[in-house]
Amino acid sequence: MPESSVLTLRLDPKLKNQLDRLSKSMNRSRSFVAAQAIQEYVSVNEWQIAEIKKAIAAADRGEFASDKLVEQTLKRLTRRAR
């Protein structure tokens, strides 16, 4: 079994009840469901922050779409939407 650490946190009663119902319906412990939720949250936010940093670096290098490319893309997307 992988090593783990204990984390104590406060939840409002409504959220705790939701977590309890979810864990019961999944036949998992509250701790397991909470750890899975935290893992997903951290992964998504790490990815998002990394992508933002890449975009900022590209912008700092002057790598922008041309006005013409933006216009063409908007026309193509708005045609599809109709």
PDB file of N, CA and C in Angstrom:
ATOM      1  N   MET A   1       0.847  -1.181   0.000  1.00  0.00           N
ATOM      2  CA  MET A   1       0.000   0.000   0.000  1.00  0.00           C
ATOM      3  C   MET A   1       0.893   1.244   0.000  1.00  0.00           C
ATOM      4  N   PRO A   2       0.588   2.230  -0.876  1.00  0.00           N
ATOM      5  CA  PRO A   2       1.404   3.440  -0.900  1.00  0.00           C
ATOM      6  C   PRO A   2       1.315   4.203   0.422  1.00  0.00           C
ATOM      7  N   GLU A   3       2.377   4.900   0.716  1.00  0.00           N
ATOM      8  CA  GLU A   3       2.397   5.705   1.934  1.00  0.00           C
ATOM      9  C   GLU A   3       1.388   6.840   1.793  1.00  0.00           C
ATOM     10  N   SER A   4       0.766   7.214   2.881  1.00  0.00           N
ATOM     11  CA  SER A   4      -0.187   8.321   2.856  1.00  0.00           C
ATOM     12  C   SER A   4      -0.002   9.179   4.088  1.00  0.00           C
ATOM     13  N   SER A   5      -0.571  10.377   4.026  1.00  0.00           N
ATOM     14  CA  SER A   5      -0.532  11.317   5.137  1.00  0.00           C
ATOM     15  C   SER A   5      -1.952  11.668   5.534  1.00  0.00           C
ATOM     16  N   VAL A   6      -2.102  12.096   6.745  1.00  0.00           N
ATOM     17  CA  VAL A   6      -3.408  12.506   7.248  1.00  0.00           C
ATOM     18  C   VAL A   6      -3.567  14.001   7.020  1.00  0.00           C
ATOM     19  N   LEU A   7      -4.748  14.375   6.535  1.00  0.00           N
ATOM     20  CA  LEU A   7      -5.092  15.776   6.312  1.00  0.00           C
ATOM     21  C   LEU A   7      -6.430  16.028   6.981  1.00  0.00           C
ATOM     22  N   THR A   8      -6.486  17.028   7.813  1.00  0.00           N
ATOM     23  CA  THR A   8      -7.732  17.394   8.470  1.00  0.00           C
ATOM     24  C   THR A   8      -8.262  18.648   7.804  1.00  0.00           C
ATOM     25  N   LEU A   9      -9.548  18.639   7.473  1.00  0.00           N
ATOM     26  CA  LEU A   9     -10.138  19.842   6.877  1.00  0.00           C
ATOM     27  C   LEU A   9     -11.553  20.021   7.372  1.00  0.00           C
ATOM     28  N   ARG A  10     -12.022  21.232   7.237  1.00  0.00           N
ATOM     29  CA  ARG A  10     -13.371  21.552   7.688  1.00  0.00           C
ATOM     30  C   ARG A  10     -14.282  21.646   6.462  1.00  0.00           C
ATOM     31  N   LEU A  11     -15.444  21.027   6.571  1.00  0.00           N
ATOM     32  CA  LEU A  11     -16.455  21.093   5.526  1.00  0.00           C
ATOM     33  C   LEU A  11     -17.743  21.613   6.127  1.00  0.00           C
ATOM     34  N   ASP A  12     -18.489  22.362   5.323  1.00  0.00           N
ATOM     35  CA  ASP A  12     -19.791  22.751   5.848  1.00  0.00           C
ATOM     36  C   ASP A  12     -20.676  21.506   5.877  1.00  0.00           C
ATOM     37  N   PRO A  13     -21.648  21.482   6.753  1.00  0.00           N
ATOM     38  CA  PRO A  13     -22.461  20.277   6.941  1.00  0.00           C
ATOM     39  C   PRO A  13     -23.121  19.767   5.653  1.00  0.00           C
ATOM     40  N   LYS A  14     -23.571  20.662   4.810  1.00  0.00           N
ATOM     41  CA  LYS A  14     -24.223  20.242   3.565  1.00  0.00           C
ATOM     42  C   LYS A  14     -23.241  19.478   2.675  1.00  0.00           C
ATOM     43  N   LEU A  15     -22.032  19.991   2.532  1.00  0.00           N
ATOM     44  CA  LEU A  15     -21.029  19.323   1.704  1.00  0.00           C
ATOM     45  C   LEU A  15     -20.637  17.982   2.310  1.00  0.00           C
ATOM     46  N   LYS A  16     -20.508  17.932   3.620  1.00  0.00           N
ATOM     47  CA  LYS A  16     -20.171  16.666   4.293  1.00  0.00           C
ATOM     48  C   LYS A  16     -21.255  15.633   4.047  1.00  0.00           C
ATOM     49  N   ASN A  17     -22.513  16.049   4.123  1.00  0.00           N
ATOM     50  CA  ASN A  17     -23.619  15.125   3.851  1.00  0.00           C
ATOM     51  C   ASN A  17     -23.592  14.637   2.404  1.00  0.00           C
ATOM     52  N   GLN A  18     -23.289  15.539   1.490  1.00  0.00           N
ATOM     53  CA  GLN A  18     -23.188  15.135   0.081  1.00  0.00           C
ATOM     54  C   GLN A  18     -22.056  14.125  -0.104  1.00  0.00           C
ATOM     55  N   LEU A  19     -20.933  14.390   0.521  1.00  0.00           N
ATOM     56  CA  LEU A  19     -19.795  13.478   0.442  1.00  0.00           C
ATOM     57  C   LEU A  19     -20.152  12.124   1.047  1.00  0.00           C
ATOM     58  N   ASP A  20     -20.855  12.131   2.164  1.00  0.00           N
ATOM     59  CA  ASP A  20     -21.277  10.883   2.794  1.00  0.00           C
ATOM     60  C   ASP A  20     -22.205  10.082   1.876  1.00  0.00           C
ATOM     61  N   ARG A  21     -23.175  10.765   1.270  1.00  0.00           N
ATOM     62  CA  ARG A  21     -24.104  10.070   0.367  1.00  0.00           C
ATOM     63  C   ARG A  21     -23.369   9.506  -0.847  1.00  0.00           C
ATOM     64  N   LEU A  22     -22.459  10.290  -1.403  1.00  0.00           N
ATOM     65  CA  LEU A  22     -21.702   9.838  -2.566  1.00  0.00           C
ATOM     66  C   LEU A  22     -20.839   8.636  -2.226  1.00  0.00           C
ATOM     67  N   SER A  23     -20.126   8.726  -1.121  1.00  0.00           N
ATOM     68  CA  SER A  23     -19.251   7.616  -0.743  1.00  0.00           C
ATOM     69  C   SER A  23     -20.059   6.347  -0.467  1.00  0.00           C
ATOM     70  N   LYS A  24     -21.217   6.508   0.139  1.00  0.00           N
ATOM     71  CA  LYS A  24     -22.067   5.349   0.414  1.00  0.00           C
ATOM     72  C   LYS A  24     -22.559   4.728  -0.895  1.00  0.00           C
ATOM     73  N   SER A  25     -22.972   5.578  -1.834  1.00  0.00           N
ATOM     74  CA  SER A  25     -23.473   5.053  -3.107  1.00  0.00           C
ATOM     75  C   SER A  25     -22.369   4.389  -3.926  1.00  0.00           C
ATOM     76  N   MET A  26     -21.134   4.792  -3.699  1.00  0.00           N
ATOM     77  CA  MET A  26     -19.993   4.200  -4.408  1.00  0.00           C
ATOM     78  C   MET A  26     -19.407   3.016  -3.642  1.00  0.00           C
ATOM     79  N   ASN A  27     -19.936   2.787  -2.458  1.00  0.00           N
ATOM     80  CA  ASN A  27     -19.410   1.741  -1.574  1.00  0.00           C
ATOM     81  C   ASN A  27     -17.921   1.963  -1.298  1.00  0.00           C
ATOM     82  N   ARG A  28     -17.572   3.216  -1.069  1.00  0.00           N
ATOM     83  CA  ARG A  28     -16.198   3.619  -0.763  1.00  0.00           C
ATOM     84  C   ARG A  28     -16.211   4.440   0.513  1.00  0.00           C
ATOM     85  N   SER A  29     -15.050   4.593   1.094  1.00  0.00           N
ATOM     86  CA  SER A  29     -14.967   5.422   2.300  1.00  0.00           C
ATOM     87  C   SER A  29     -15.016   6.900   1.917  1.00  0.00           C
ATOM     88  N   ARG A  30     -15.427   7.700   2.872  1.00  0.00           N
ATOM     89  CA  ARG A  30     -15.434   9.143   2.678  1.00  0.00           C
ATOM     90  C   ARG A  30     -14.023   9.628   2.343  1.00  0.00           C
ATOM     91  N   SER A  31     -13.046   9.067   3.016  1.00  0.00           N
ATOM     92  CA  SER A  31     -11.657   9.452   2.793  1.00  0.00           C
ATOM     93  C   SER A  31     -11.219   9.152   1.358  1.00  0.00           C
ATOM     94  N   PHE A  32     -11.610   7.982   0.853  1.00  0.00           N
ATOM     95  CA  PHE A  32     -11.248   7.605  -0.515  1.00  0.00           C
ATOM     96  C   PHE A  32     -11.850   8.584  -1.519  1.00  0.00           C
ATOM     97  N   VAL A  33     -13.131   8.870  -1.376  1.00  0.00           N
ATOM     98  CA  VAL A  33     -13.815   9.760  -2.312  1.00  0.00           C
ATOM     99  C   VAL A  33     -13.222  11.172  -2.238  1.00  0.00           C
ATOM    100  N   ALA A  34     -12.963  11.657  -1.035  1.00  0.00           N
ATOM    101  CA  ALA A  34     -12.374  12.989  -0.872  1.00  0.00           C
ATOM    102  C   ALA A  34     -10.975  13.043  -1.489  1.00  0.00           C
ATOM    103  N   ALA A  35     -10.181  12.002  -1.275  1.00  0.00           N
ATOM    104  CA  ALA A  35      -8.827  11.970  -1.846  1.00  0.00           C
ATOM    105  C   ALA A  35      -8.878  11.949  -3.363  1.00  0.00           C
ATOM    106  N   GLN A  36      -9.819  11.186  -3.934  1.00  0.00           N
ATOM    107  CA  GLN A  36      -9.968  11.153  -5.392  1.00  0.00           C
ATOM    108  C   GLN A  36     -10.367  12.532  -5.924  1.00  0.00           C
ATOM    109  N   ALA A  37     -11.278  13.185  -5.243  1.00  0.00           N
ATOM    110  CA  ALA A  37     -11.733  14.507  -5.660  1.00  0.00           C
ATOM    111  C   ALA A  37     -10.593  15.528  -5.598  1.00  0.00           C
ATOM    112  N   ILE A  38      -9.816  15.471  -4.541  1.00  0.00           N
ATOM    113  CA  ILE A  38      -8.678  16.384  -4.398  1.00  0.00           C
ATOM    114  C   ILE A  38      -7.644  16.107  -5.481  1.00  0.00           C
ATOM    115  N   GLN A  39      -7.386  14.833  -5.766  1.00  0.00           N
ATOM    116  CA  GLN A  39      -6.426  14.475  -6.812  1.00  0.00           C
ATOM    117  C   GLN A  39      -6.848  15.036  -8.163  1.00  0.00           C
ATOM    118  N   GLU A  40      -8.125  14.881  -8.493  1.00  0.00           N
ATOM    119  CA  GLU A  40      -8.629  15.399  -9.767  1.00  0.00           C
ATOM    120  C   GLU A  40      -8.528  16.924  -9.813  1.00  0.00           C
ATOM    121  N   TYR A  41      -8.904  17.580  -8.741  1.00  0.00           N
ATOM    122  CA  TYR A  41      -8.835  19.045  -8.669  1.00  0.00           C
ATOM    123  C   TYR A  41      -7.403  19.531  -8.862  1.00  0.00           C
ATOM    124  N   VAL A  42      -6.471  18.899  -8.172  1.00  0.00           N
ATOM    125  CA  VAL A  42      -5.062  19.295  -8.275  1.00  0.00           C
ATOM    126  C   VAL A  42      -4.538  19.056  -9.685  1.00  0.00           C
ATOM    127  N   SER A  43      -4.858  17.913 -10.264  1.00  0.00           N
ATOM    128  CA  SER A  43      -4.393  17.601 -11.619  1.00  0.00           C
ATOM    129  C   SER A  43      -4.905  18.612 -12.642  1.00  0.00           C
ATOM    130  N   VAL A  44      -6.193  18.906 -12.579  1.00  0.00           N
ATOM    131  CA  VAL A  44      -6.785  19.854 -13.523  1.00  0.00           C
ATOM    132  C   VAL A  44      -6.159  21.232 -13.360  1.00  0.00           C
ATOM    133  N   ASN A  45      -5.994  21.672 -12.130  1.00  0.00           N
ATOM    134  CA  ASN A  45      -5.440  23.003 -11.908  1.00  0.00           C
ATOM    135  C   ASN A  45      -3.962  23.081 -12.252  1.00  0.00           C
ATOM    136  N   GLU A  46      -3.197  22.019 -11.997  1.00  0.00           N
ATOM    137  CA  GLU A  46      -1.791  22.005 -12.413  1.00  0.00           C
ATOM    138  C   GLU A  46      -1.688  22.112 -13.928  1.00  0.00           C
ATOM    139  N   TRP A  47      -2.531  21.346 -14.636  1.00  0.00           N
ATOM    140  CA  TRP A  47      -2.529  21.390 -16.101  1.00  0.00           C
ATOM    141  C   TRP A  47      -2.882  22.798 -16.591  1.00  0.00           C
ATOM    142  N   GLN A  48      -3.931  23.373 -16.021  1.00  0.00           N
ATOM    143  CA  GLN A  48      -4.384  24.694 -16.451  1.00  0.00           C
ATOM    144  C   GLN A  48      -3.307  25.746 -16.209  1.00  0.00           C
ATOM    145  N   ILE A  49      -2.664  25.720 -15.074  1.00  0.00           N
ATOM    146  CA  ILE A  49      -1.613  26.691 -14.771  1.00  0.00           C
ATOM    147  C   ILE A  49      -0.435  26.510 -15.719  1.00  0.00           C
ATOM    148  N   ALA A  50      -0.074  25.265 -16.017  1.00  0.00           N
ATOM    149  CA  ALA A  50       1.030  25.013 -16.954  1.00  0.00           C
ATOM    150  C   ALA A  50       0.695  25.559 -18.332  1.00  0.00           C
ATOM    151  N   GLU A  51      -0.549  25.370 -18.792  1.00  0.00           N
ATOM    152  CA  GLU A  51      -0.950  25.872 -20.106  1.00  0.00           C
ATOM    153  C   GLU A  51      -0.971  27.403 -20.135  1.00  0.00           C
ATOM    154  N   ILE A  52      -1.398  28.014 -19.059  1.00  0.00           N
ATOM    155  CA  ILE A  52      -1.387  29.477 -18.975  1.00  0.00           C
ATOM    156  C   ILE A  52       0.044  29.997 -19.039  1.00  0.00           C
ATOM    157  N   LYS A  53       0.951  29.339 -18.317  1.00  0.00           N
ATOM    158  CA  LYS A  53       2.360  29.761 -18.347  1.00  0.00           C
ATOM    159  C   LYS A  53       2.942  29.625 -19.747  1.00  0.00           C
ATOM    160  N   LYS A  54       2.590  28.539 -20.464  1.00  0.00           N
ATOM    161  CA  LYS A  54       3.064  28.366 -21.840  1.00  0.00           C
ATOM    162  C   LYS A  54       2.529  29.486 -22.732  1.00  0.00           C
ATOM    163  N   ALA A  55       1.260  29.819 -22.564  1.00  0.00           N
ATOM    164  CA  ALA A  55       0.652  30.872 -23.379  1.00  0.00           C
ATOM    165  C   ALA A  55       1.283  32.229 -23.084  1.00  0.00           C
ATOM    166  N   ILE A  56       1.576  32.504 -21.834  1.00  0.00           N
ATOM    167  CA  ILE A  56       2.224  33.766 -21.475  1.00  0.00           C
ATOM    168  C   ILE A  56       3.618  33.825 -22.077  1.00  0.00           C
ATOM    169  N   ALA A  57       4.349  32.716 -22.022  1.00  0.00           N
ATOM    170  CA  ALA A  57       5.689  32.672 -22.614  1.00  0.00           C
ATOM    171  C   ALA A  57       5.614  32.905 -24.124  1.00  0.00           C
ATOM    172  N   ALA A  58       4.640  32.301 -24.782  1.00  0.00           N
ATOM    173  CA  ALA A  58       4.474  32.504 -26.224  1.00  0.00           C
ATOM    174  C   ALA A  58       4.149  33.963 -26.516  1.00  0.00           C
ATOM    175  N   ALA A  59       3.286  34.559 -25.713  1.00  0.00           N
ATOM    176  CA  ALA A  59       2.938  35.962 -25.901  1.00  0.00           C
ATOM    177  C   ALA A  59       4.149  36.858 -25.664  1.00  0.00           C
ATOM    178  N   ASP A  60       4.945  36.525 -24.659  1.00  0.00           N
ATOM    179  CA  ASP A  60       6.162  37.299 -24.390  1.00  0.00           C
ATOM    180  C   ASP A  60       7.139  37.222 -25.566  1.00  0.00           C
ATOM    181  N   ARG A  61       7.101  36.101 -26.307  1.00  0.00           N
ATOM    182  CA  ARG A  61       7.954  35.971 -27.489  1.00  0.00           C
ATOM    183  C   ARG A  61       7.341  36.634 -28.714  1.00  0.00           C
ATOM    184  N   GLY A  62       6.130  37.171 -28.539  1.00  0.00           N
ATOM    185  CA  GLY A  62       5.463  37.847 -29.651  1.00  0.00           C
ATOM    186  C   GLY A  62       4.719  36.907 -30.575  1.00  0.00           C
ATOM    187  N   GLU A  63       4.448  35.719 -30.110  1.00  0.00           N
ATOM    188  CA  GLU A  63       3.762  34.718 -30.931  1.00  0.00           C
ATOM    189  C   GLU A  63       2.251  34.888 -30.791  1.00  0.00           C
ATOM    190  N   PHE A  64       1.708  35.728 -31.661  1.00  0.00           N
ATOM    191  CA  PHE A  64       0.278  35.990 -31.662  1.00  0.00           C
ATOM    192  C   PHE A  64      -0.311  35.588 -33.008  1.00  0.00           C
ATOM    193  N   ALA A  65      -1.594  35.294 -33.025  1.00  0.00           N
ATOM    194  CA  ALA A  65      -2.279  35.060 -34.288  1.00  0.00           C
ATOM    195  C   ALA A  65      -2.427  36.406 -34.991  1.00  0.00           C
ATOM    196  N   SER A  66      -2.297  36.385 -36.306  1.00  0.00           N
ATOM    197  CA  SER A  66      -2.460  37.630 -37.070  1.00  0.00           C
ATOM    198  C   SER A  66      -3.936  38.029 -37.069  1.00  0.00           C
ATOM    199  N   ASP A  67      -4.178  39.299 -37.331  1.00  0.00           N
ATOM    200  CA  ASP A  67      -5.560  39.778 -37.409  1.00  0.00           C
ATOM    201  C   ASP A  67      -6.323  39.000 -38.481  1.00  0.00           C
ATOM    202  N   LYS A  68      -5.651  38.705 -39.592  1.00  0.00           N
ATOM    203  CA  LYS A  68      -6.288  37.986 -40.692  1.00  0.00           C
ATOM    204  C   LYS A  68      -6.689  36.573 -40.252  1.00  0.00           C
ATOM    205  N   LEU A  69      -5.804  35.885 -39.545  1.00  0.00           N
ATOM    206  CA  LEU A  69      -6.109  34.537 -39.080  1.00  0.00           C
ATOM    207  C   LEU A  69      -7.266  34.545 -38.088  1.00  0.00           C
ATOM    208  N   VAL A  70      -7.291  35.506 -37.201  1.00  0.00           N
ATOM    209  CA  VAL A  70      -8.388  35.614 -36.231  1.00  0.00           C
ATOM    210  C   VAL A  70      -9.702  35.854 -36.960  1.00  0.00           C
ATOM    211  N   GLU A  71      -9.685  36.739 -37.923  1.00  0.00           N
ATOM    212  CA  GLU A  71     -10.894  37.047 -38.702  1.00  0.00           C
ATOM    213  C   GLU A  71     -11.384  35.805 -39.454  1.00  0.00           C
ATOM    214  N   GLN A  72     -10.471  35.082 -40.095  1.00  0.00           N
ATOM    215  CA  GLN A  72     -10.849  33.867 -40.821  1.00  0.00           C
ATOM    216  C   GLN A  72     -11.439  32.820 -39.877  1.00  0.00           C
ATOM    217  N   THR A  73     -10.828  32.672 -38.732  1.00  0.00           N
ATOM    218  CA  THR A  73     -11.311  31.689 -37.758  1.00  0.00           C
ATOM    219  C   THR A  73     -12.700  32.061 -37.257  1.00  0.00           C
ATOM    220  N   LEU A  74     -12.915  33.324 -36.946  1.00  0.00           N
ATOM    221  CA  LEU A  74     -14.232  33.767 -36.474  1.00  0.00           C
ATOM    222  C   LEU A  74     -15.292  33.557 -37.548  1.00  0.00           C
ATOM    223  N   LYS A  75     -14.968  33.864 -38.805  1.00  0.00           N
ATOM    224  CA  LYS A  75     -15.936  33.648 -39.893  1.00  0.00           C
ATOM    225  C   LYS A  75     -16.281  32.174 -40.023  1.00  0.00           C
ATOM    226  N   ARG A  76     -15.263  31.327 -39.955  1.00  0.00           N
ATOM    227  CA  ARG A  76     -15.487  29.886 -40.074  1.00  0.00           C
ATOM    228  C   ARG A  76     -16.356  29.376 -38.921  1.00  0.00           C
ATOM    229  N   LEU A  77     -16.078  29.811 -37.717  1.00  0.00           N
ATOM    230  CA  LEU A  77     -16.843  29.344 -36.561  1.00  0.00           C
ATOM    231  C   LEU A  77     -18.268  29.876 -36.542  1.00  0.00           C
ATOM    232  N   THR A  78     -18.449  31.112 -36.956  1.00  0.00           N
ATOM    233  CA  THR A  78     -19.805  31.659 -36.948  1.00  0.00           C
ATOM    234  C   THR A  78     -20.641  31.077 -38.074  1.00  0.00           C
ATOM    235  N   ARG A  79     -20.007  30.669 -39.175  1.00  0.00           N
ATOM    236  CA  ARG A  79     -20.743  29.983 -40.246  1.00  0.00           C
ATOM    237  C   ARG A  79     -21.251  28.636 -39.755  1.00  0.00           C
ATOM    238  N   ARG A  80     -20.439  27.928 -39.003  1.00  0.00           N
ATOM    239  CA  ARG A  80     -20.822  26.620 -38.458  1.00  0.00           C
ATOM    240  C   ARG A  80     -21.979  26.730 -37.490  1.00  0.00           C
ATOM    241  N   ALA A  81     -22.016  27.831 -36.750  1.00  0.00           N
ATOM    242  CA  ALA A  81     -23.030  27.997 -35.710  1.00  0.00           C
ATOM    243  C   ALA A  81     -24.425  28.235 -36.288  1.00  0.00           C
ATOM    244  N   ARG A  82     -24.475  28.682 -37.517  1.00  0.00           N
ATOM    245  CA  ARG A  82     -25.783  28.995 -38.123  1.00  0.00           C
ATOM    246  C   ARG A  82     -26.470  27.790 -38.546  1.00  0.00           C
TER     247      ARG A  82
END
